[in-house]
Protein backbone atom coordinates (compact mmCIF):
# COMPACT_ATOMS: atom_id res chain seq x y z
CA MET A 1 20.86 -38.06 15.92
CA SER A 2 22.88 -36.87 12.95
CA PHE A 3 21.88 -37.24 9.30
CA ALA A 4 23.25 -39.98 7.07
CA ASP A 5 22.81 -40.23 3.32
CA VAL A 6 20.48 -43.22 2.49
CA GLY A 7 20.01 -42.91 -1.19
CA GLU A 8 19.92 -40.73 -4.29
CA VAL A 9 17.72 -40.06 -7.35
CA VAL A 10 18.66 -39.02 -10.86
CA HIS A 11 16.02 -36.47 -11.93
CA GLN A 12 14.78 -34.93 -15.22
CA PRO A 13 15.81 -31.23 -15.41
CA GLY A 14 12.63 -29.04 -14.86
CA GLU A 15 10.42 -31.84 -14.24
CA ALA A 16 11.30 -33.31 -10.66
CA ARG A 17 9.02 -32.65 -7.72
CA VAL A 18 9.55 -33.38 -4.07
CA PHE A 19 6.68 -34.20 -1.71
CA GLU A 20 7.33 -33.00 1.85
CA HIS A 21 5.04 -34.34 4.52
CA GLY A 22 4.78 -32.00 7.58
CA TRP A 23 5.29 -33.29 11.26
CA GLN A 24 1.83 -32.36 12.47
CA SER A 25 -1.68 -31.14 11.46
CA TRP A 26 -0.65 -27.50 10.96
CA SER A 27 2.64 -28.15 9.30
CA PRO A 28 2.72 -27.42 5.60
CA THR A 29 2.59 -30.43 3.25
CA GLY A 30 2.82 -30.58 -0.41
CA ALA A 31 4.87 -31.13 -3.66
CA TYR A 32 7.45 -28.73 -4.93
CA ARG A 33 9.68 -28.26 -7.99
CA LEU A 34 13.25 -27.96 -7.63
CA GLY A 35 14.30 -24.43 -7.09
CA GLU A 36 11.13 -23.59 -5.27
CA THR A 37 11.25 -22.68 -1.74
CA PRO A 38 8.79 -24.74 0.41
CA PRO A 39 6.94 -23.12 3.41
CA ARG A 40 9.13 -22.46 6.31
CA PRO A 41 8.38 -21.01 9.73
CA ALA A 42 8.04 -17.28 10.03
CA ASP A 43 9.72 -17.17 13.56
CA GLY A 44 11.04 -19.30 16.32
CA ASN A 45 7.68 -19.53 18.21
CA ILE A 46 5.95 -20.78 15.04
CA GLN A 47 8.80 -23.41 14.64
CA ILE A 48 7.67 -24.93 17.97
CA LEU A 49 3.98 -24.40 17.58
CA CYS A 50 3.60 -25.74 13.97
CA TYR A 51 6.74 -27.39 12.64
CA ARG A 52 9.17 -30.06 14.23
CA PRO A 53 10.94 -28.02 16.77
CA GLU A 54 14.25 -30.23 16.91
CA THR A 55 14.89 -30.34 13.22
CA PRO A 56 14.79 -26.82 11.61
CA VAL A 57 15.31 -27.24 7.84
CA PRO A 58 18.71 -25.82 6.32
CA ALA A 59 18.54 -23.63 3.17
CA ASP A 60 18.18 -25.22 -0.11
CA VAL A 61 17.17 -28.49 1.43
CA PHE A 62 13.70 -30.37 1.16
CA GLN A 63 12.55 -32.09 4.40
CA GLY A 64 9.67 -34.40 5.35
CA GLU A 65 8.91 -35.75 8.62
CA GLY A 66 8.31 -39.46 8.39
CA LEU A 67 7.78 -39.23 4.68
CA LEU A 68 9.62 -37.66 1.64
CA ALA A 69 8.69 -38.68 -1.92
CA ILE A 70 10.47 -37.79 -5.12
CA ASP A 71 8.89 -37.88 -8.58
CA PRO A 72 11.97 -37.81 -10.77
CA GLY A 73 10.05 -36.72 -13.89
CA GLY A 74 10.52 -38.25 -17.46
CA GLY A 75 8.10 -41.13 -16.59
CA ALA A 76 10.40 -42.59 -13.99
CA PRO A 77 8.66 -44.17 -10.98
CA MET A 78 8.16 -42.29 -7.81
CA GLU A 79 10.57 -43.12 -4.94
CA LEU A 80 9.55 -42.77 -1.28
CA TRP A 81 11.62 -42.75 1.89
CA SER A 82 9.50 -43.15 5.05
CA ALA A 83 9.53 -44.08 8.68
CA PRO A 84 9.49 -47.82 9.27
CA ASN A 85 6.53 -47.55 11.51
CA PRO A 86 4.61 -44.91 13.67
CA LEU A 87 6.91 -45.39 16.54
CA GLU A 88 10.13 -44.19 14.68
CA VAL A 89 9.69 -41.02 12.76
CA PRO A 90 12.83 -39.65 11.34
CA SER A 91 13.25 -36.37 9.53
CA ILE A 92 14.23 -37.05 5.86
CA ARG A 93 15.93 -34.59 3.57
CA ALA A 94 16.77 -34.25 -0.08
CA ARG A 95 19.43 -31.95 -1.45
CA GLU A 96 20.46 -31.29 -5.10
CA GLU A 97 24.01 -32.12 -6.13
CA GLY A 98 25.05 -32.31 -9.87
CA GLY A 99 21.68 -33.50 -11.36
CA ARG A 100 21.02 -35.86 -8.44
CA LEU A 101 18.84 -35.62 -5.39
CA ILE A 102 20.80 -37.04 -2.40
CA VAL A 103 18.42 -38.26 0.32
CA SER A 104 19.54 -38.37 4.01
CA ALA A 105 17.82 -39.10 7.28
CA ASN A 106 18.45 -38.99 10.94
CA GLY A 107 16.97 -42.35 11.74
CA PRO A 108 15.98 -45.65 10.08
CA VAL A 109 13.92 -45.33 6.87
CA ARG A 110 12.06 -47.63 4.45
CA HIS A 111 12.59 -47.17 0.61
CA GLN A 112 9.88 -47.88 -1.80
CA VAL A 113 10.09 -47.50 -5.49
CA GLY A 114 6.94 -47.16 -7.72
CA ALA A 115 4.54 -46.91 -4.78
CA SER A 116 1.88 -44.19 -4.76
CA LEU A 117 1.05 -42.14 -1.64
CA GLU A 118 -2.17 -44.09 -1.21
CA GLU A 119 -0.34 -47.37 -1.28
CA TRP A 120 2.27 -46.13 1.18
CA ALA A 121 -0.48 -45.00 3.47
CA ASP A 122 -2.35 -48.43 3.15
CA GLY A 123 0.87 -50.29 4.07
CA MET A 124 1.75 -47.91 7.03
CA ALA A 125 -1.99 -48.51 8.55
CA GLU A 126 -1.63 -52.25 8.69
CA GLY A 127 -1.66 -53.26 12.22
CA TYR A 128 -2.51 -49.90 13.56
CA ALA A 129 -5.70 -48.40 11.85
CA PRO A 130 -9.08 -50.10 11.87
CA ALA A 131 -10.11 -52.01 8.78
CA ALA A 132 -13.19 -49.68 8.26
CA PHE A 133 -14.34 -46.25 9.15
CA PRO A 134 -18.01 -45.43 10.08
CA ALA A 135 -19.82 -42.47 8.70
CA VAL A 136 -19.50 -39.59 11.13
CA PRO A 137 -22.39 -37.22 11.23
CA PRO A 138 -22.01 -33.39 10.95
CA MET A 139 -21.34 -31.01 13.85
CA TRP A 140 -21.60 -27.45 14.84
CA CYS A 141 -18.55 -25.80 16.53
CA THR A 142 -18.31 -22.69 18.66
CA TRP A 143 -14.83 -21.57 17.76
CA TYR A 144 -14.97 -19.53 14.61
CA GLY A 145 -18.02 -17.55 15.79
CA TYR A 146 -17.52 -16.91 19.50
CA TRP A 147 -13.79 -17.55 19.84
CA ASP A 148 -12.76 -17.50 23.63
CA LYS A 149 -15.76 -15.53 24.74
CA VAL A 150 -18.27 -18.31 24.14
CA THR A 151 -21.17 -18.90 26.69
CA GLU A 152 -23.42 -21.76 27.50
CA GLN A 153 -26.34 -19.61 25.89
CA ASP A 154 -24.36 -19.27 22.60
CA VAL A 155 -24.54 -23.12 22.16
CA LEU A 156 -28.04 -23.38 23.20
CA ASP A 157 -29.00 -20.60 20.81
CA ASN A 158 -27.31 -22.22 17.90
CA LEU A 159 -28.88 -25.74 18.87
CA ARG A 160 -32.28 -23.90 18.32
CA LEU A 161 -31.28 -22.34 15.10
CA SER A 162 -29.77 -25.55 13.70
CA GLU A 163 -33.04 -27.28 14.35
CA ARG A 164 -35.06 -24.38 12.78
CA TYR A 165 -33.02 -24.46 9.64
CA ALA A 166 -32.50 -28.08 9.36
CA LEU A 167 -28.68 -27.99 9.26
CA GLY A 168 -28.59 -31.59 10.54
CA ALA A 169 -25.82 -30.95 13.24
CA ASP A 170 -25.65 -34.19 15.41
CA MET A 171 -22.95 -32.97 17.79
CA PHE A 172 -22.24 -29.57 19.33
CA LEU A 173 -18.52 -28.95 20.10
CA VAL A 174 -17.65 -26.48 22.82
CA ASP A 175 -14.20 -25.32 21.73
CA ASP A 176 -11.64 -23.18 23.63
CA GLY A 177 -13.04 -20.43 25.92
CA TYR A 178 -15.14 -22.39 28.46
CA GLU A 179 -12.08 -23.18 30.68
CA ALA A 180 -10.64 -21.00 33.42
CA GLU A 181 -6.99 -21.56 32.20
CA ILE A 182 -5.07 -23.71 29.90
CA GLY A 183 -4.51 -26.83 31.93
CA ASP A 184 -7.54 -26.23 34.41
CA TRP A 185 -10.01 -28.05 32.26
CA LEU A 186 -12.61 -28.69 34.92
CA ASP A 187 -12.92 -25.11 36.07
CA PRO A 188 -15.12 -23.03 34.00
CA ARG A 189 -14.25 -19.39 32.92
CA PRO A 190 -16.31 -16.92 34.64
CA GLY A 191 -19.14 -15.90 32.40
CA PHE A 192 -19.13 -19.19 30.41
CA GLY A 193 -22.01 -21.02 32.42
CA SER A 194 -22.00 -24.76 32.91
CA LEU A 195 -20.42 -27.38 30.64
CA ARG A 196 -22.45 -29.96 32.42
CA GLY A 197 -25.60 -27.88 31.72
CA VAL A 198 -24.69 -27.82 28.12
CA ALA A 199 -24.36 -31.56 27.83
CA GLU A 200 -27.55 -32.11 29.64
CA ALA A 201 -29.53 -29.81 27.31
CA LEU A 202 -28.02 -31.32 24.23
CA ARG A 203 -28.74 -34.81 25.39
CA GLU A 204 -32.44 -33.81 26.02
CA ALA A 205 -32.46 -32.53 22.35
CA GLY A 206 -31.00 -35.83 21.19
CA LYS A 207 -27.66 -34.37 20.41
CA ARG A 208 -24.15 -35.22 21.31
CA THR A 209 -21.76 -33.02 23.04
CA GLY A 210 -18.00 -32.43 22.27
CA VAL A 211 -15.43 -30.42 24.17
CA TRP A 212 -12.06 -28.96 23.45
CA THR A 213 -8.91 -29.47 25.31
CA ALA A 214 -5.18 -29.14 24.82
CA PRO A 215 -4.48 -32.03 27.21
CA PHE A 216 -0.69 -31.94 27.21
CA LEU A 217 -0.26 -28.30 27.68
CA VAL A 218 -0.01 -26.41 31.06
CA GLY A 219 -0.28 -22.62 30.90
CA HIS A 220 1.98 -20.66 33.31
CA ARG A 221 -1.11 -18.99 34.80
CA SER A 222 -2.83 -22.29 35.52
CA GLN A 223 -3.43 -23.90 38.91
CA ILE A 224 -1.81 -26.89 37.67
CA PHE A 225 1.43 -24.99 36.93
CA ARG A 226 1.58 -23.41 40.40
CA GLU A 227 0.63 -26.34 42.42
CA HIS A 228 2.36 -29.40 40.56
CA PRO A 229 5.68 -28.33 39.16
CA ASP A 230 6.65 -31.99 39.44
CA TRP A 231 4.06 -32.94 36.88
CA LEU A 232 5.90 -31.09 34.21
CA VAL A 233 8.31 -32.23 31.55
CA GLY A 234 11.69 -30.78 32.62
CA GLY A 235 13.15 -28.50 30.04
CA ALA A 236 10.31 -28.62 27.69
CA HIS A 237 8.98 -25.37 26.24
CA ALA A 238 5.74 -25.65 24.00
CA GLY A 239 5.82 -22.10 22.74
CA ARG A 240 3.74 -19.15 23.67
CA MET A 241 0.03 -18.64 23.24
CA TRP A 242 -2.78 -17.09 25.20
CA ASP A 243 -0.31 -14.37 26.24
CA GLN A 244 1.69 -16.88 28.37
CA ASP A 245 4.32 -19.48 28.07
CA LEU A 246 3.45 -22.97 27.86
CA ALA A 247 4.85 -26.06 29.82
CA VAL A 248 4.20 -29.76 29.13
CA LEU A 249 2.26 -32.37 31.31
CA ASP A 250 4.45 -35.27 32.03
CA VAL A 251 2.13 -38.17 31.44
CA THR A 252 4.68 -40.67 32.71
CA HIS A 253 4.41 -39.22 36.22
CA PRO A 254 1.82 -41.45 38.11
CA ASP A 255 0.01 -38.58 39.65
CA ALA A 256 -0.18 -36.39 36.46
CA ALA A 257 -1.34 -39.60 34.44
CA ALA A 258 -4.10 -40.23 37.11
CA HIS A 259 -5.14 -36.63 36.89
CA LEU A 260 -5.29 -36.83 33.11
CA VAL A 261 -7.41 -39.86 33.19
CA ASP A 262 -9.78 -38.37 35.86
CA VAL A 263 -10.32 -35.20 33.62
CA PHE A 264 -11.58 -37.28 30.85
CA ARG A 265 -13.62 -39.58 33.06
CA ILE A 266 -15.35 -36.61 34.57
CA PHE A 267 -16.14 -35.19 31.12
CA SER A 268 -17.49 -38.50 30.10
CA ALA A 269 -19.78 -38.50 33.22
CA TYR A 270 -21.19 -35.13 32.18
CA GLY A 271 -22.46 -36.93 28.96
CA ILE A 272 -19.62 -35.65 26.66
CA SER A 273 -18.58 -38.20 24.03
CA HIS A 274 -16.53 -36.32 21.42
CA PHE A 275 -13.16 -34.95 22.49
CA LYS A 276 -11.32 -32.49 20.38
CA LEU A 277 -7.63 -32.84 21.49
CA ASP A 278 -5.65 -29.77 20.35
CA TYR A 279 -2.00 -28.71 20.54
CA LEU A 280 -1.06 -32.33 20.83
CA TYR A 281 2.51 -31.69 19.38
CA ALA A 282 3.42 -30.79 23.02
CA GLY A 283 3.14 -34.46 24.16
CA ALA A 284 5.95 -35.24 21.87
CA LEU A 285 8.37 -32.62 22.74
CA ALA A 286 11.73 -33.65 24.14
CA GLY A 287 12.49 -33.14 27.83
CA SER A 288 13.20 -34.82 31.11
CA ARG A 289 10.24 -37.10 32.14
CA HIS A 290 9.57 -39.00 35.35
CA GLU A 291 10.00 -42.27 33.18
CA ASP A 292 12.67 -42.59 30.67
CA LEU A 293 10.56 -42.79 27.67
CA ASP A 294 11.42 -41.38 24.11
CA PRO A 295 9.07 -38.42 23.24
CA ILE A 296 7.01 -40.48 20.60
CA ALA A 297 6.46 -43.29 23.18
CA ALA A 298 5.48 -40.71 25.83
CA TYR A 299 3.04 -39.10 23.33
CA ARG A 300 1.25 -42.29 22.60
CA ARG A 301 1.03 -43.15 26.16
CA GLY A 302 -0.65 -39.81 26.76
CA LEU A 303 -3.30 -40.71 24.05
CA GLU A 304 -3.82 -44.08 25.54
CA LEU A 305 -4.53 -42.44 29.07
CA ILE A 306 -7.10 -40.13 27.46
CA ARG A 307 -8.79 -43.13 25.81
CA GLU A 308 -8.85 -44.76 29.34
CA GLY A 309 -10.68 -41.98 30.89
CA ALA A 310 -12.91 -41.03 27.91
CA GLY A 311 -14.08 -44.64 27.32
CA PRO A 312 -13.86 -47.00 24.47
CA ASP A 313 -16.88 -45.58 22.61
CA ALA A 314 -15.80 -41.97 22.88
CA THR A 315 -14.47 -40.19 19.79
CA LEU A 316 -10.94 -38.84 19.96
CA HIS A 317 -10.28 -35.98 17.53
CA GLY A 318 -6.69 -34.94 17.07
CA CYS A 319 -5.58 -31.57 16.13
CA GLY A 320 -2.15 -29.94 16.07
CA ALA A 321 -0.97 -33.48 16.34
CA PRO A 322 2.11 -35.30 15.17
CA MET A 323 0.66 -37.28 12.30
CA LEU A 324 2.35 -40.56 12.10
CA PRO A 325 2.66 -41.08 16.00
CA SER A 326 -1.12 -40.59 16.21
CA LEU A 327 -1.78 -43.54 13.90
CA GLY A 328 -4.25 -45.96 15.54
CA LEU A 329 -5.00 -43.80 18.50
CA VAL A 330 -7.31 -41.13 17.20
CA ASP A 331 -10.64 -41.64 15.29
CA ILE A 332 -10.60 -38.15 13.57
CA MET A 333 -7.52 -35.90 12.70
CA ARG A 334 -7.16 -32.42 11.56
CA VAL A 335 -5.03 -32.54 8.42
CA SER A 336 -4.39 -28.86 7.83
CA PRO A 337 -3.74 -25.51 9.70
CA ASP A 338 -6.81 -23.64 10.86
CA ILE A 339 -9.12 -21.81 8.45
CA ALA A 340 -9.59 -18.10 9.01
CA LEU A 341 -11.73 -15.26 7.83
CA SER A 342 -8.83 -14.15 5.37
CA LEU A 343 -7.52 -15.97 2.43
CA GLN A 344 -3.83 -15.13 3.27
CA PRO A 345 -2.03 -15.80 6.55
CA ARG A 346 -0.96 -12.60 8.33
CA SER A 347 2.66 -13.71 8.68
CA GLY A 348 2.96 -15.11 5.16
CA ASP A 349 3.51 -18.58 6.78
CA ILE A 350 0.79 -20.92 5.64
CA SER A 351 1.11 -23.05 8.89
CA GLN A 352 -0.83 -20.15 10.40
CA PRO A 353 -4.61 -19.65 10.18
CA SER A 354 -5.83 -18.76 6.70
CA GLN A 355 -7.99 -20.24 4.05
CA LEU A 356 -4.95 -20.73 1.60
CA GLY A 357 -3.08 -22.81 4.05
CA ALA A 358 -5.99 -24.91 5.08
CA ARG A 359 -6.78 -25.66 1.41
CA LEU A 360 -3.30 -26.46 0.26
CA THR A 361 -2.26 -28.71 3.09
CA GLY A 362 -5.87 -30.29 3.45
CA ALA A 363 -5.86 -31.23 -0.26
CA ALA A 364 -2.32 -32.76 0.02
CA ARG A 365 -3.39 -34.89 2.86
CA GLU A 366 -6.76 -36.10 1.49
CA PHE A 367 -5.17 -39.38 0.58
CA LEU A 368 -5.13 -40.25 4.41
CA HIS A 369 -8.87 -40.13 4.72
CA ALA A 370 -10.48 -43.55 5.59
CA ARG A 371 -7.02 -45.00 5.54
CA TRP A 372 -5.55 -43.81 8.92
CA TRP A 373 -8.63 -42.05 10.39
CA VAL A 374 -11.45 -39.62 9.40
CA ASN A 375 -9.86 -36.55 8.01
CA ASP A 376 -10.84 -33.13 9.47
CA PRO A 377 -10.28 -30.37 6.81
CA ASP A 378 -11.50 -27.78 9.41
CA CYS A 379 -14.88 -26.08 9.74
CA ILE A 380 -17.51 -24.73 7.32
CA ILE A 381 -17.50 -20.82 7.70
CA LEU A 382 -19.43 -19.15 5.07
CA ARG A 383 -20.72 -15.82 6.42
CA LEU A 384 -20.33 -12.65 4.49
CA GLU A 385 -17.08 -11.53 6.11
CA VAL A 386 -15.26 -14.73 4.88
CA GLU A 387 -13.02 -14.12 1.96
CA ALA A 388 -13.32 -16.39 -1.08
CA ARG A 389 -16.05 -18.26 0.72
CA GLN A 390 -17.21 -19.91 -2.56
CA GLU A 391 -13.68 -21.38 -2.97
CA TRP A 392 -13.68 -22.66 0.75
CA ALA A 393 -17.18 -24.32 0.28
CA ALA A 394 -15.83 -26.02 -2.94
CA HIS A 395 -12.82 -27.25 -1.03
CA ILE A 396 -14.93 -28.71 1.71
CA GLU A 397 -17.23 -30.34 -0.86
CA ASP A 398 -14.10 -32.04 -2.47
CA THR A 399 -13.12 -33.62 0.73
CA GLY A 400 -14.60 -36.75 2.27
CA GLY A 401 -13.87 -35.89 5.85
CA LEU A 402 -15.66 -34.34 8.71
CA ARG A 403 -18.22 -31.60 8.15
CA GLY A 404 -18.76 -29.01 10.83
CA SER A 405 -20.32 -25.46 10.75
CA SER A 406 -18.80 -22.85 12.84
CA ASP A 407 -20.72 -19.78 11.93
CA PRO A 408 -23.15 -18.09 14.37
CA ILE A 409 -26.07 -19.50 12.31
CA GLU A 410 -27.92 -16.14 12.62
CA THR A 411 -25.25 -14.47 10.63
CA LEU A 412 -25.69 -16.59 7.42
CA ASP A 413 -27.25 -15.03 4.36
CA ASP A 414 -29.39 -17.01 2.17
CA TRP A 415 -26.28 -18.38 0.10
CA GLY A 416 -24.42 -19.24 3.24
CA LEU A 417 -27.44 -21.01 4.86
CA GLU A 418 -28.24 -22.95 1.79
CA THR A 419 -24.67 -24.04 1.12
CA THR A 420 -23.98 -24.89 4.76
CA ARG A 421 -27.04 -27.08 4.73
CA ARG A 422 -25.87 -28.81 1.54
CA LEU A 423 -22.50 -29.49 2.98
CA MET A 424 -23.58 -30.73 6.31
CA VAL A 425 -23.53 -34.46 5.40
CA PRO A 426 -21.83 -37.44 7.06
CA THR A 427 -18.21 -38.41 6.15
CA ARG A 428 -17.44 -40.73 3.30
CA THR A 429 -16.52 -44.16 4.43
CA ASP A 430 -14.22 -45.04 1.56
CA PRO A 431 -10.74 -43.66 0.85
CA SER A 432 -10.45 -40.86 -1.62
């Protein structure tokens, strides 16, 4: 759909700021002055992985996905243009012309004058998000310590150390690396061990088990890709990661849908109750589906199928996920790109893993916590090799969201151990 002008704002020279809300968890989000260049993708693959693929941003234009807000300066009220609901999410642009900001969109929008971001979020949540959010206990995660070489023994070793040092982790999340291939979630990677064995050991210790998947991705090396080409969204390319191209599972295909439900039903039977659902952007990519559903409707159906398999009491934890389309369907949501050991992203693009990107976008989305879901600002990593670790600890302390350590506990020095213990508290139940 082409862009049409929907409004304009007269701004105060040198004072106006434009708030861009990014499409998904990793998309940069923040407020920028006129003349600043907001973060943009470093290359075409990152455009797919971390931005909205179908609407790259022209030069000298601001763009929000489902929300763009303008503070004109000079004491004038803020003006917001947004999606009318989570099912229709237009791209919204602002361009400067002769002292005015001209706003355009490629779909229906709602215009509000004088509303804060918090008030807007409250209004959008009505009829979708729950009325209250329970406190979520802290967790421990394998990813930032063991990456894709994690083993069953690594989890059990850190269970023991968490108990010894009283870190208070209630759930242990087995992240990427346990699976044979992207899409083959029930087949273990040789050398990992047993996911069922991990869940049994954690249950005996009185802990919960979490597992990572990228449920809408199908790697080209996977058994699913080889044996079920009819289960894939035609023409959809989800980018390249794990040294392979990525296809998209068509959740509107009856057999693919049944498979998706079965995967999460089997995980639930293992005793797993927390599901980190990553790279979810793939489910909302355009393409040819078995059933003629628009991408957002197909994406929401996919989350509903996961809920069906996981069960009503399971925790669904979104990541790399389209923000507005996920409203009402996940319990926890990553609101920033990944943290990393380094302060700056290697590509200069803050959608990529870095402490800077995680801090900037996480802080800009703090207003969503306990309004749409429980925010996930990403993990506590405080070992000596983490740059600016004091600043990262301060950022985590300022958020109300999920707390989860992801250091190998034996690598923490006295400061790291003490600070991790202090930060490992349940989530705040009130909006920030």
